[in-house]
Amino acid sequence: MRETNGKTLLVEGWAFVAVFVIAFFGGFLIGDLASSPETETVLAPPSEQEEAAGTEGAGNATEVEGESGGAATEETAQLEGGAKVFASNGCGSCHTFAAANSTGTTGPDLNEFLAPDDDKAGIEEMIVEPNSEIAEGFTANVMPQSYGQSLSPGELEQLVQFLIENSPAGGAKPEGPGGEENDVGGPSN
């Protein structure tokens, strides 16, 4: 058997404390890193009716309308498609956008950044050439430059329409009580 003296006990005690502290803080850091402050947008799986409608003719609003019993129009289908494109390309991980329930902060808040004078062509350019217009307080080369290649023309159109319909962009939103958006005092001269 081994004889233990005070010095050996002290060294072993400190070694135990050191291992414990390293394990504790290592576990804390790993746990903290796993709980990212960014929110990920997750789409619910499609219902059986949606799957059936999708396999019979994707994008055919008449078939969707007949099977679901609702009033799904081509515009509604396009907006839903735009929401899926937004979510599946991770847009919500960088951008806050109320219509997508996203709260990303890496890029500008799309509820505020997209303005009434932003039209379809302008928004499309912001997506496929993101460095063409940089929001104040943000830097270039953060948003991927590849959306022009990775999104099909249809996906890009759906995404742009989704952004226009759910933000101030496009200028076709209802105007305020004074005839001009947010102007309660009437039209200005």
N, C-alpha and C. Protein backbone atom coordinates (compact mmCIF):
# COMPACT_ATOMS: atom_id res chain seq x y z
N MET A 1 0.80 -1.17 0.00
CA MET A 1 0.00 0.00 0.00
C MET A 1 0.85 1.25 0.00
N ARG A 2 0.30 2.30 -0.54
CA ARG A 2 1.03 3.54 -0.68
C ARG A 2 0.82 4.43 0.53
N GLU A 3 1.87 5.05 0.95
CA GLU A 3 1.77 5.94 2.11
C GLU A 3 1.46 7.35 1.59
N THR A 4 0.46 7.96 2.16
CA THR A 4 0.10 9.31 1.75
C THR A 4 0.57 10.30 2.79
N ASN A 5 1.21 11.30 2.28
CA ASN A 5 1.62 12.36 3.19
C ASN A 5 0.85 13.62 2.83
N GLY A 6 1.03 14.66 3.53
CA GLY A 6 0.30 15.91 3.36
C GLY A 6 0.55 16.55 2.01
N LYS A 7 1.79 16.45 1.55
CA LYS A 7 2.13 17.07 0.27
C LYS A 7 1.42 16.35 -0.88
N THR A 8 1.38 15.04 -0.89
CA THR A 8 0.71 14.27 -1.93
C THR A 8 -0.78 14.56 -1.92
N LEU A 9 -1.36 14.60 -0.75
CA LEU A 9 -2.78 14.90 -0.63
C LEU A 9 -3.09 16.28 -1.17
N LEU A 10 -2.26 17.24 -0.89
CA LEU A 10 -2.45 18.60 -1.36
C LEU A 10 -2.37 18.66 -2.89
N VAL A 11 -1.40 18.00 -3.49
CA VAL A 11 -1.24 17.99 -4.94
C VAL A 11 -2.45 17.31 -5.59
N GLU A 12 -2.86 16.16 -5.05
CA GLU A 12 -4.02 15.46 -5.60
C GLU A 12 -5.30 16.27 -5.44
N GLY A 13 -5.43 16.96 -4.35
CA GLY A 13 -6.61 17.80 -4.12
C GLY A 13 -6.67 18.95 -5.13
N TRP A 14 -5.53 19.61 -5.36
CA TRP A 14 -5.49 20.70 -6.32
C TRP A 14 -5.74 20.18 -7.74
N ALA A 15 -5.23 19.01 -8.06
CA ALA A 15 -5.45 18.42 -9.38
C ALA A 15 -6.95 18.14 -9.57
N PHE A 16 -7.60 17.63 -8.54
CA PHE A 16 -9.03 17.37 -8.61
C PHE A 16 -9.79 18.67 -8.82
N VAL A 17 -9.44 19.70 -8.08
CA VAL A 17 -10.11 21.00 -8.21
C VAL A 17 -9.91 21.56 -9.63
N ALA A 18 -8.68 21.46 -10.14
CA ALA A 18 -8.39 21.97 -11.49
C ALA A 18 -9.22 21.25 -12.55
N VAL A 19 -9.28 19.92 -12.46
CA VAL A 19 -10.08 19.14 -13.41
C VAL A 19 -11.55 19.52 -13.29
N PHE A 20 -12.04 19.67 -12.09
CA PHE A 20 -13.44 20.04 -11.87
C PHE A 20 -13.74 21.41 -12.49
N VAL A 21 -12.88 22.39 -12.26
CA VAL A 21 -13.10 23.74 -12.78
C VAL A 21 -13.08 23.72 -14.31
N ILE A 22 -12.12 23.03 -14.89
CA ILE A 22 -12.04 22.95 -16.35
C ILE A 22 -13.30 22.29 -16.92
N ALA A 23 -13.73 21.19 -16.32
CA ALA A 23 -14.93 20.50 -16.78
C ALA A 23 -16.17 21.37 -16.62
N PHE A 24 -16.27 22.07 -15.51
CA PHE A 24 -17.43 22.92 -15.26
C PHE A 24 -17.53 24.04 -16.30
N PHE A 25 -16.44 24.79 -16.48
CA PHE A 25 -16.47 25.89 -17.43
C PHE A 25 -16.55 25.40 -18.87
N GLY A 26 -15.92 24.27 -19.17
CA GLY A 26 -16.04 23.70 -20.50
C GLY A 26 -17.49 23.33 -20.80
N GLY A 27 -18.16 22.70 -19.86
CA GLY A 27 -19.57 22.37 -20.03
C GLY A 27 -20.43 23.61 -20.15
N PHE A 28 -20.12 24.64 -19.39
CA PHE A 28 -20.87 25.89 -19.44
C PHE A 28 -20.72 26.53 -20.81
N LEU A 29 -19.48 26.58 -21.32
CA LEU A 29 -19.24 27.18 -22.63
C LEU A 29 -19.91 26.40 -23.74
N ILE A 30 -19.83 25.09 -23.70
CA ILE A 30 -20.47 24.27 -24.72
C ILE A 30 -21.98 24.46 -24.66
N GLY A 31 -22.55 24.47 -23.50
CA GLY A 31 -23.99 24.70 -23.36
C GLY A 31 -24.39 26.08 -23.83
N ASP A 32 -23.57 27.09 -23.56
CA ASP A 32 -23.87 28.45 -23.97
C ASP A 32 -23.75 28.60 -25.47
N LEU A 33 -22.78 27.95 -26.09
CA LEU A 33 -22.62 28.03 -27.53
C LEU A 33 -23.77 27.33 -28.24
N ALA A 34 -24.31 26.30 -27.65
CA ALA A 34 -25.40 25.56 -28.28
C ALA A 34 -26.70 26.36 -28.27
N SER A 35 -26.84 27.31 -27.37
CA SER A 35 -28.07 28.10 -27.31
C SER A 35 -27.82 29.44 -27.97
N SER A 36 -27.81 29.44 -29.29
CA SER A 36 -27.55 30.64 -30.08
C SER A 36 -28.65 31.66 -29.87
N PRO A 37 -28.31 32.96 -29.83
CA PRO A 37 -29.33 33.98 -29.66
C PRO A 37 -30.14 34.21 -30.93
N GLU A 38 -29.68 33.70 -32.07
CA GLU A 38 -30.41 33.89 -33.31
C GLU A 38 -31.56 32.89 -33.39
N THR A 39 -32.62 33.30 -34.05
CA THR A 39 -33.79 32.48 -34.19
C THR A 39 -33.80 31.82 -35.54
N GLU A 40 -34.15 30.56 -35.57
CA GLU A 40 -34.24 29.84 -36.83
C GLU A 40 -35.70 29.68 -37.18
N THR A 41 -36.04 30.00 -38.41
CA THR A 41 -37.41 29.84 -38.87
C THR A 41 -37.58 28.42 -39.37
N VAL A 42 -38.60 27.74 -38.84
CA VAL A 42 -38.86 26.37 -39.20
C VAL A 42 -40.27 26.27 -39.74
N LEU A 43 -40.43 25.67 -40.90
CA LEU A 43 -41.76 25.48 -41.46
C LEU A 43 -42.32 24.15 -40.99
N ALA A 44 -43.61 24.16 -40.69
CA ALA A 44 -44.28 22.93 -40.30
C ALA A 44 -44.42 22.04 -41.53
N PRO A 45 -44.41 20.73 -41.33
CA PRO A 45 -44.58 19.84 -42.48
C PRO A 45 -45.95 20.06 -43.10
N PRO A 46 -46.06 19.88 -44.42
CA PRO A 46 -47.35 20.11 -45.08
C PRO A 46 -48.38 19.08 -44.63
N SER A 47 -49.62 19.52 -44.64
CA SER A 47 -50.70 18.59 -44.28
C SER A 47 -50.92 17.61 -45.43
N GLU A 48 -51.71 16.59 -45.21
CA GLU A 48 -51.97 15.60 -46.26
C GLU A 48 -52.63 16.25 -47.46
N GLN A 49 -53.55 17.22 -47.22
CA GLN A 49 -54.21 17.89 -48.33
C GLN A 49 -53.21 18.69 -49.15
N GLU A 50 -52.28 19.38 -48.48
CA GLU A 50 -51.28 20.17 -49.19
C GLU A 50 -50.36 19.26 -50.00
N GLU A 51 -49.98 18.10 -49.41
CA GLU A 51 -49.13 17.17 -50.13
C GLU A 51 -49.84 16.64 -51.36
N ALA A 52 -51.13 16.30 -51.22
CA ALA A 52 -51.90 15.79 -52.35
C ALA A 52 -52.00 16.85 -53.43
N ALA A 53 -52.26 18.08 -53.05
CA ALA A 53 -52.36 19.17 -54.02
C ALA A 53 -51.02 19.40 -54.69
N GLY A 54 -49.93 19.28 -53.94
CA GLY A 54 -48.59 19.50 -54.49
C GLY A 54 -48.21 18.43 -55.49
N THR A 55 -48.62 17.19 -55.28
CA THR A 55 -48.24 16.14 -56.21
C THR A 55 -49.11 16.14 -57.45
N GLU A 56 -50.32 16.66 -57.36
CA GLU A 56 -51.21 16.67 -58.52
C GLU A 56 -50.92 17.82 -59.46
N GLY A 57 -50.34 18.90 -58.96
CA GLY A 57 -50.06 20.04 -59.84
C GLY A 57 -49.58 21.22 -59.03
N ALA A 58 -48.30 21.29 -58.78
CA ALA A 58 -47.75 22.39 -57.99
C ALA A 58 -48.00 23.70 -58.71
N GLY A 59 -48.46 24.68 -57.94
CA GLY A 59 -48.68 26.01 -58.49
C GLY A 59 -50.04 26.16 -59.15
N ASN A 60 -50.86 25.12 -59.22
CA ASN A 60 -52.16 25.23 -59.82
C ASN A 60 -53.16 25.61 -58.76
N ALA A 61 -53.52 26.86 -58.70
CA ALA A 61 -54.36 27.39 -57.63
C ALA A 61 -55.76 26.80 -57.69
N THR A 62 -56.25 26.44 -58.87
CA THR A 62 -57.59 25.88 -58.98
C THR A 62 -57.67 24.55 -58.26
N GLU A 63 -56.66 23.70 -58.43
CA GLU A 63 -56.66 22.41 -57.74
C GLU A 63 -56.57 22.59 -56.24
N VAL A 64 -55.71 23.48 -55.78
CA VAL A 64 -55.58 23.74 -54.35
C VAL A 64 -56.90 24.25 -53.80
N GLU A 65 -57.54 25.14 -54.54
CA GLU A 65 -58.79 25.72 -54.09
C GLU A 65 -59.87 24.66 -53.96
N GLY A 66 -59.96 23.78 -54.95
CA GLY A 66 -61.00 22.76 -54.92
C GLY A 66 -60.80 21.76 -53.81
N GLU A 67 -59.58 21.38 -53.50
CA GLU A 67 -59.34 20.37 -52.48
C GLU A 67 -59.41 20.93 -51.07
N SER A 68 -58.96 22.14 -50.87
CA SER A 68 -58.92 22.67 -49.51
C SER A 68 -60.23 23.28 -49.09
N GLY A 69 -61.08 23.61 -50.05
CA GLY A 69 -62.34 24.23 -49.71
C GLY A 69 -62.19 25.70 -49.42
N GLY A 70 -60.97 26.23 -49.41
CA GLY A 70 -60.74 27.64 -49.15
C GLY A 70 -60.67 28.42 -50.44
N ALA A 71 -60.36 29.68 -50.30
CA ALA A 71 -60.30 30.55 -51.46
C ALA A 71 -58.85 30.84 -51.81
N ALA A 72 -58.05 29.79 -52.06
CA ALA A 72 -56.66 29.98 -52.42
C ALA A 72 -56.59 30.49 -53.85
N THR A 73 -55.89 31.58 -54.04
CA THR A 73 -55.73 32.15 -55.36
C THR A 73 -54.29 31.98 -55.79
N GLU A 74 -54.01 32.32 -57.04
CA GLU A 74 -52.63 32.22 -57.51
C GLU A 74 -51.72 33.13 -56.69
N GLU A 75 -52.23 34.32 -56.33
CA GLU A 75 -51.43 35.25 -55.52
C GLU A 75 -51.14 34.66 -54.14
N THR A 76 -52.14 34.02 -53.53
CA THR A 76 -51.95 33.40 -52.22
C THR A 76 -50.91 32.28 -52.31
N ALA A 77 -51.01 31.48 -53.36
CA ALA A 77 -50.04 30.40 -53.54
C ALA A 77 -48.65 30.97 -53.72
N GLN A 78 -48.53 32.08 -54.45
CA GLN A 78 -47.22 32.69 -54.67
C GLN A 78 -46.67 33.25 -53.35
N LEU A 79 -47.52 33.87 -52.54
CA LEU A 79 -47.06 34.40 -51.25
C LEU A 79 -46.61 33.27 -50.33
N GLU A 80 -47.35 32.17 -50.32
CA GLU A 80 -46.94 31.02 -49.51
C GLU A 80 -45.62 30.48 -50.02
N GLY A 81 -45.46 30.43 -51.34
CA GLY A 81 -44.20 29.99 -51.92
C GLY A 81 -43.06 30.92 -51.53
N GLY A 82 -43.33 32.22 -51.51
CA GLY A 82 -42.33 33.20 -51.12
C GLY A 82 -41.90 33.02 -49.68
N ALA A 83 -42.86 32.70 -48.81
CA ALA A 83 -42.54 32.45 -47.40
C ALA A 83 -41.65 31.22 -47.27
N LYS A 84 -41.91 30.21 -48.08
CA LYS A 84 -41.09 29.00 -48.05
C LYS A 84 -39.68 29.29 -48.56
N VAL A 85 -39.59 30.10 -49.63
CA VAL A 85 -38.27 30.46 -50.16
C VAL A 85 -37.49 31.25 -49.11
N PHE A 86 -38.16 32.18 -48.43
CA PHE A 86 -37.54 32.99 -47.38
C PHE A 86 -36.98 32.07 -46.29
N ALA A 87 -37.80 31.12 -45.85
CA ALA A 87 -37.39 30.23 -44.77
C ALA A 87 -36.33 29.24 -45.21
N SER A 88 -36.50 28.63 -46.37
CA SER A 88 -35.57 27.58 -46.79
C SER A 88 -34.19 28.11 -47.15
N ASN A 89 -34.07 29.38 -47.44
CA ASN A 89 -32.77 29.96 -47.76
C ASN A 89 -32.15 30.67 -46.56
N GLY A 90 -32.76 30.52 -45.40
CA GLY A 90 -32.18 31.05 -44.17
C GLY A 90 -32.25 32.56 -44.04
N CYS A 91 -33.13 33.21 -44.79
CA CYS A 91 -33.23 34.68 -44.74
C CYS A 91 -33.55 35.16 -43.32
N GLY A 92 -34.40 34.41 -42.61
CA GLY A 92 -34.81 34.79 -41.27
C GLY A 92 -33.71 34.69 -40.23
N SER A 93 -32.65 33.96 -40.53
CA SER A 93 -31.55 33.88 -39.57
C SER A 93 -30.75 35.17 -39.55
N CYS A 94 -30.88 35.98 -40.60
CA CYS A 94 -30.15 37.26 -40.66
C CYS A 94 -31.06 38.48 -40.60
N HIS A 95 -32.31 38.34 -41.04
CA HIS A 95 -33.21 39.48 -41.13
C HIS A 95 -34.43 39.32 -40.21
N THR A 96 -34.80 40.41 -39.57
CA THR A 96 -36.08 40.47 -38.87
C THR A 96 -37.14 40.76 -39.92
N PHE A 97 -38.22 39.98 -39.92
CA PHE A 97 -39.32 40.22 -40.86
C PHE A 97 -40.57 39.64 -40.22
N ALA A 98 -41.52 40.51 -39.88
CA ALA A 98 -42.72 40.11 -39.14
C ALA A 98 -43.50 39.02 -39.86
N ALA A 99 -43.66 39.12 -41.18
CA ALA A 99 -44.46 38.15 -41.92
C ALA A 99 -43.87 36.75 -41.84
N ALA A 100 -42.59 36.64 -41.58
CA ALA A 100 -41.93 35.34 -41.49
C ALA A 100 -41.64 34.95 -40.05
N ASN A 101 -42.05 35.78 -39.10
CA ASN A 101 -41.77 35.54 -37.68
C ASN A 101 -40.29 35.35 -37.44
N SER A 102 -39.46 36.12 -38.12
CA SER A 102 -38.02 35.99 -37.95
C SER A 102 -37.47 37.20 -37.21
N THR A 103 -36.37 36.97 -36.49
CA THR A 103 -35.80 38.03 -35.66
C THR A 103 -34.29 38.13 -35.81
N GLY A 104 -33.77 37.78 -36.97
CA GLY A 104 -32.33 37.88 -37.20
C GLY A 104 -31.85 39.32 -37.12
N THR A 105 -30.60 39.50 -36.72
CA THR A 105 -30.06 40.85 -36.57
C THR A 105 -28.76 41.07 -37.35
N THR A 106 -28.30 40.07 -38.10
CA THR A 106 -27.08 40.23 -38.88
C THR A 106 -27.29 41.23 -40.02
N GLY A 107 -28.47 41.19 -40.62
CA GLY A 107 -28.83 42.10 -41.71
C GLY A 107 -29.91 43.06 -41.26
N PRO A 108 -30.29 43.99 -42.14
CA PRO A 108 -31.29 44.99 -41.76
C PRO A 108 -32.67 44.37 -41.50
N ASP A 109 -33.44 45.06 -40.67
CA ASP A 109 -34.83 44.70 -40.39
C ASP A 109 -35.63 45.03 -41.64
N LEU A 110 -36.17 44.03 -42.31
CA LEU A 110 -36.86 44.24 -43.58
C LEU A 110 -38.18 44.98 -43.41
N ASN A 111 -38.74 44.96 -42.21
CA ASN A 111 -39.97 45.72 -41.95
C ASN A 111 -39.70 47.22 -42.05
N GLU A 112 -38.47 47.62 -41.78
CA GLU A 112 -38.11 49.04 -41.79
C GLU A 112 -37.27 49.41 -43.01
N PHE A 113 -36.41 48.51 -43.48
CA PHE A 113 -35.49 48.82 -44.56
C PHE A 113 -36.20 48.93 -45.91
N LEU A 114 -37.15 48.04 -46.18
CA LEU A 114 -37.86 48.09 -47.44
C LEU A 114 -38.84 49.27 -47.41
N ALA A 115 -38.70 50.16 -48.38
CA ALA A 115 -39.45 51.41 -48.39
C ALA A 115 -40.51 51.39 -49.49
N PRO A 116 -41.52 52.28 -49.39
CA PRO A 116 -42.58 52.33 -50.40
C PRO A 116 -42.06 52.53 -51.83
N ASP A 117 -40.92 53.18 -51.99
CA ASP A 117 -40.40 53.39 -53.34
C ASP A 117 -39.58 52.22 -53.86
N ASP A 118 -39.43 51.15 -53.07
CA ASP A 118 -38.75 49.94 -53.53
C ASP A 118 -39.73 49.13 -54.37
N ASP A 119 -39.41 48.94 -55.66
CA ASP A 119 -40.27 48.16 -56.54
C ASP A 119 -39.70 46.76 -56.73
N LYS A 120 -40.39 45.95 -57.54
CA LYS A 120 -39.95 44.56 -57.75
C LYS A 120 -38.52 44.49 -58.26
N ALA A 121 -38.20 45.32 -59.25
CA ALA A 121 -36.85 45.28 -59.83
C ALA A 121 -35.80 45.66 -58.79
N GLY A 122 -36.10 46.65 -57.95
CA GLY A 122 -35.16 47.08 -56.93
C GLY A 122 -34.93 46.02 -55.87
N ILE A 123 -36.01 45.36 -55.45
CA ILE A 123 -35.88 44.31 -54.43
C ILE A 123 -35.15 43.10 -55.01
N GLU A 124 -35.44 42.77 -56.26
CA GLU A 124 -34.73 41.66 -56.90
C GLU A 124 -33.23 41.96 -56.96
N GLU A 125 -32.88 43.19 -57.28
CA GLU A 125 -31.47 43.57 -57.32
C GLU A 125 -30.83 43.46 -55.94
N MET A 126 -31.58 43.86 -54.89
CA MET A 126 -31.04 43.75 -53.53
C MET A 126 -30.73 42.30 -53.16
N ILE A 127 -31.48 41.35 -53.74
CA ILE A 127 -31.29 39.94 -53.42
C ILE A 127 -30.14 39.35 -54.24
N VAL A 128 -30.13 39.60 -55.55
CA VAL A 128 -29.12 38.96 -56.41
C VAL A 128 -27.81 39.74 -56.46
N GLU A 129 -27.84 41.02 -56.14
CA GLU A 129 -26.63 41.85 -56.06
C GLU A 129 -26.67 42.63 -54.74
N PRO A 130 -26.50 41.93 -53.62
CA PRO A 130 -26.72 42.56 -52.32
C PRO A 130 -25.80 43.74 -52.00
N ASN A 131 -24.67 43.84 -52.66
CA ASN A 131 -23.79 44.97 -52.39
C ASN A 131 -24.19 46.22 -53.18
N SER A 132 -25.24 46.12 -54.00
CA SER A 132 -25.66 47.28 -54.78
C SER A 132 -26.27 48.36 -53.90
N GLU A 133 -26.85 47.98 -52.78
CA GLU A 133 -27.41 48.94 -51.82
C GLU A 133 -27.19 48.38 -50.42
N ILE A 134 -26.39 49.07 -49.65
CA ILE A 134 -26.07 48.62 -48.30
C ILE A 134 -26.83 49.50 -47.31
N ALA A 135 -27.57 48.86 -46.41
CA ALA A 135 -28.31 49.60 -45.39
C ALA A 135 -27.34 50.29 -44.43
N GLU A 136 -27.74 51.45 -43.97
CA GLU A 136 -26.91 52.21 -43.03
C GLU A 136 -26.66 51.37 -41.78
N GLY A 137 -25.41 51.33 -41.36
CA GLY A 137 -25.03 50.58 -40.18
C GLY A 137 -24.62 49.15 -40.47
N PHE A 138 -24.67 48.74 -41.74
CA PHE A 138 -24.28 47.38 -42.13
C PHE A 138 -23.13 47.47 -43.11
N THR A 139 -22.44 46.35 -43.31
CA THR A 139 -21.28 46.35 -44.19
C THR A 139 -21.54 45.47 -45.42
N ALA A 140 -20.75 45.72 -46.44
CA ALA A 140 -20.85 44.93 -47.67
C ALA A 140 -20.29 43.53 -47.44
N ASN A 141 -20.62 42.64 -48.35
CA ASN A 141 -20.09 41.27 -48.39
C ASN A 141 -20.50 40.41 -47.20
N VAL A 142 -21.61 40.73 -46.57
CA VAL A 142 -22.13 39.88 -45.50
C VAL A 142 -23.19 38.95 -46.07
N MET A 143 -24.09 39.51 -46.86
CA MET A 143 -25.13 38.69 -47.50
C MET A 143 -24.51 37.88 -48.63
N PRO A 144 -24.87 36.60 -48.75
CA PRO A 144 -24.31 35.78 -49.83
C PRO A 144 -24.57 36.41 -51.20
N GLN A 145 -23.58 36.31 -52.06
CA GLN A 145 -23.66 36.89 -53.41
C GLN A 145 -24.24 35.89 -54.41
N SER A 146 -24.65 34.72 -53.97
CA SER A 146 -24.99 33.62 -54.87
C SER A 146 -26.49 33.41 -55.11
N TYR A 147 -27.34 34.25 -54.56
CA TYR A 147 -28.78 34.01 -54.73
C TYR A 147 -29.22 34.13 -56.19
N GLY A 148 -28.53 34.89 -57.00
CA GLY A 148 -28.86 34.97 -58.42
C GLY A 148 -28.69 33.64 -59.12
N GLN A 149 -27.78 32.80 -58.63
CA GLN A 149 -27.55 31.49 -59.22
C GLN A 149 -28.34 30.39 -58.50
N SER A 150 -28.49 30.51 -57.18
CA SER A 150 -29.11 29.41 -56.43
C SER A 150 -30.64 29.45 -56.43
N LEU A 151 -31.23 30.61 -56.66
CA LEU A 151 -32.69 30.69 -56.73
C LEU A 151 -33.14 30.60 -58.18
N SER A 152 -34.18 29.81 -58.42
CA SER A 152 -34.74 29.76 -59.77
C SER A 152 -35.48 31.07 -60.02
N PRO A 153 -35.74 31.41 -61.27
CA PRO A 153 -36.51 32.65 -61.54
C PRO A 153 -37.86 32.65 -60.83
N GLY A 154 -38.51 31.49 -60.76
CA GLY A 154 -39.80 31.41 -60.07
C GLY A 154 -39.67 31.65 -58.57
N GLU A 155 -38.64 31.06 -57.96
CA GLU A 155 -38.40 31.26 -56.53
C GLU A 155 -38.09 32.73 -56.23
N LEU A 156 -37.28 33.33 -57.08
CA LEU A 156 -36.94 34.73 -56.90
C LEU A 156 -38.19 35.61 -57.00
N GLU A 157 -39.03 35.32 -57.97
CA GLU A 157 -40.28 36.08 -58.13
C GLU A 157 -41.18 35.91 -56.91
N GLN A 158 -41.29 34.68 -56.41
CA GLN A 158 -42.12 34.42 -55.22
C GLN A 158 -41.57 35.17 -54.01
N LEU A 159 -40.26 35.14 -53.83
CA LEU A 159 -39.63 35.82 -52.70
C LEU A 159 -39.86 37.33 -52.77
N VAL A 160 -39.65 37.91 -53.95
CA VAL A 160 -39.85 39.35 -54.13
C VAL A 160 -41.30 39.72 -53.84
N GLN A 161 -42.25 38.94 -54.36
CA GLN A 161 -43.67 39.22 -54.13
C GLN A 161 -44.01 39.12 -52.64
N PHE A 162 -43.46 38.13 -51.96
CA PHE A 162 -43.68 37.96 -50.52
C PHE A 162 -43.18 39.18 -49.76
N LEU A 163 -42.00 39.67 -50.13
CA LEU A 163 -41.44 40.84 -49.45
C LEU A 163 -42.28 42.09 -49.73
N ILE A 164 -42.71 42.27 -50.96
CA ILE A 164 -43.51 43.45 -51.31
C ILE A 164 -44.85 43.43 -50.59
N GLU A 165 -45.52 42.30 -50.60
CA GLU A 165 -46.86 42.22 -50.01
C GLU A 165 -46.86 42.34 -48.48
N ASN A 166 -45.72 42.09 -47.86
CA ASN A 166 -45.68 42.07 -46.39
C ASN A 166 -44.80 43.16 -45.79
N SER A 167 -44.44 44.15 -46.59
CA SER A 167 -43.60 45.25 -46.11
C SER A 167 -44.10 46.55 -46.74
N PRO A 168 -43.51 47.66 -46.36
CA PRO A 168 -43.92 48.92 -46.99
C PRO A 168 -43.56 49.01 -48.47
N ALA A 169 -42.75 48.09 -48.99
CA ALA A 169 -42.29 48.15 -50.38
C ALA A 169 -43.44 48.05 -51.36
N GLY A 170 -43.22 48.57 -52.54
CA GLY A 170 -44.20 48.46 -53.61
C GLY A 170 -45.15 49.63 -53.69
N GLY A 171 -45.26 50.42 -52.64
CA GLY A 171 -46.07 51.62 -52.65
C GLY A 171 -47.56 51.42 -52.84
N ALA A 172 -48.05 50.21 -52.90
CA ALA A 172 -49.47 49.98 -53.15
C ALA A 172 -50.25 49.71 -51.88
N LYS A 173 -49.68 50.01 -50.74
CA LYS A 173 -50.35 49.75 -49.47
C LYS A 173 -51.42 50.82 -49.23
N PRO A 174 -52.40 50.51 -48.42
CA PRO A 174 -53.41 51.52 -48.10
C PRO A 174 -52.76 52.75 -47.49
N GLU A 175 -53.27 53.89 -47.88
CA GLU A 175 -52.70 55.14 -47.38
C GLU A 175 -53.34 55.52 -46.06
N GLY A 176 -52.69 56.41 -45.37
CA GLY A 176 -53.19 56.89 -44.09
C GLY A 176 -54.45 57.72 -44.25
N PRO A 177 -55.05 58.15 -43.13
CA PRO A 177 -56.33 58.86 -43.16
C PRO A 177 -56.28 60.20 -43.90
N GLY A 178 -55.11 60.79 -44.05
CA GLY A 178 -55.02 62.08 -44.72
C GLY A 178 -54.78 61.96 -46.20
N GLY A 179 -54.75 60.74 -46.74
CA GLY A 179 -54.54 60.57 -48.16
C GLY A 179 -53.12 60.19 -48.49
N GLU A 180 -52.18 60.47 -47.63
CA GLU A 180 -50.79 60.06 -47.84
C GLU A 180 -50.40 59.17 -46.69
N GLU A 181 -49.58 58.21 -46.97
CA GLU A 181 -49.20 57.24 -45.94
C GLU A 181 -48.70 57.94 -44.68
N ASN A 182 -49.28 57.55 -43.55
CA ASN A 182 -48.90 58.06 -42.23
C ASN A 182 -49.02 59.56 -42.08
N ASP A 183 -49.80 60.21 -42.90
CA ASP A 183 -49.98 61.66 -42.81
C ASP A 183 -51.40 61.92 -42.36
N VAL A 184 -51.58 62.24 -41.10
CA VAL A 184 -52.92 62.46 -40.59
C VAL A 184 -53.41 63.87 -40.83
N GLY A 185 -52.57 64.75 -41.31
CA GLY A 185 -52.95 66.15 -41.51
C GLY A 185 -53.40 66.45 -42.91
N GLY A 186 -53.54 65.44 -43.76
CA GLY A 186 -53.97 65.70 -45.13
C GLY A 186 -52.77 65.82 -46.05
N PRO A 187 -53.06 65.93 -47.33
CA PRO A 187 -51.97 66.00 -48.30
C PRO A 187 -51.12 67.26 -48.11
N SER A 188 -49.83 67.10 -48.38
CA SER A 188 -48.96 68.27 -48.26
C SER A 188 -48.86 68.95 -49.61
N ASN A 189 -48.55 70.22 -49.61
CA ASN A 189 -48.45 70.98 -50.86
C ASN A 189 -47.02 71.14 -51.29
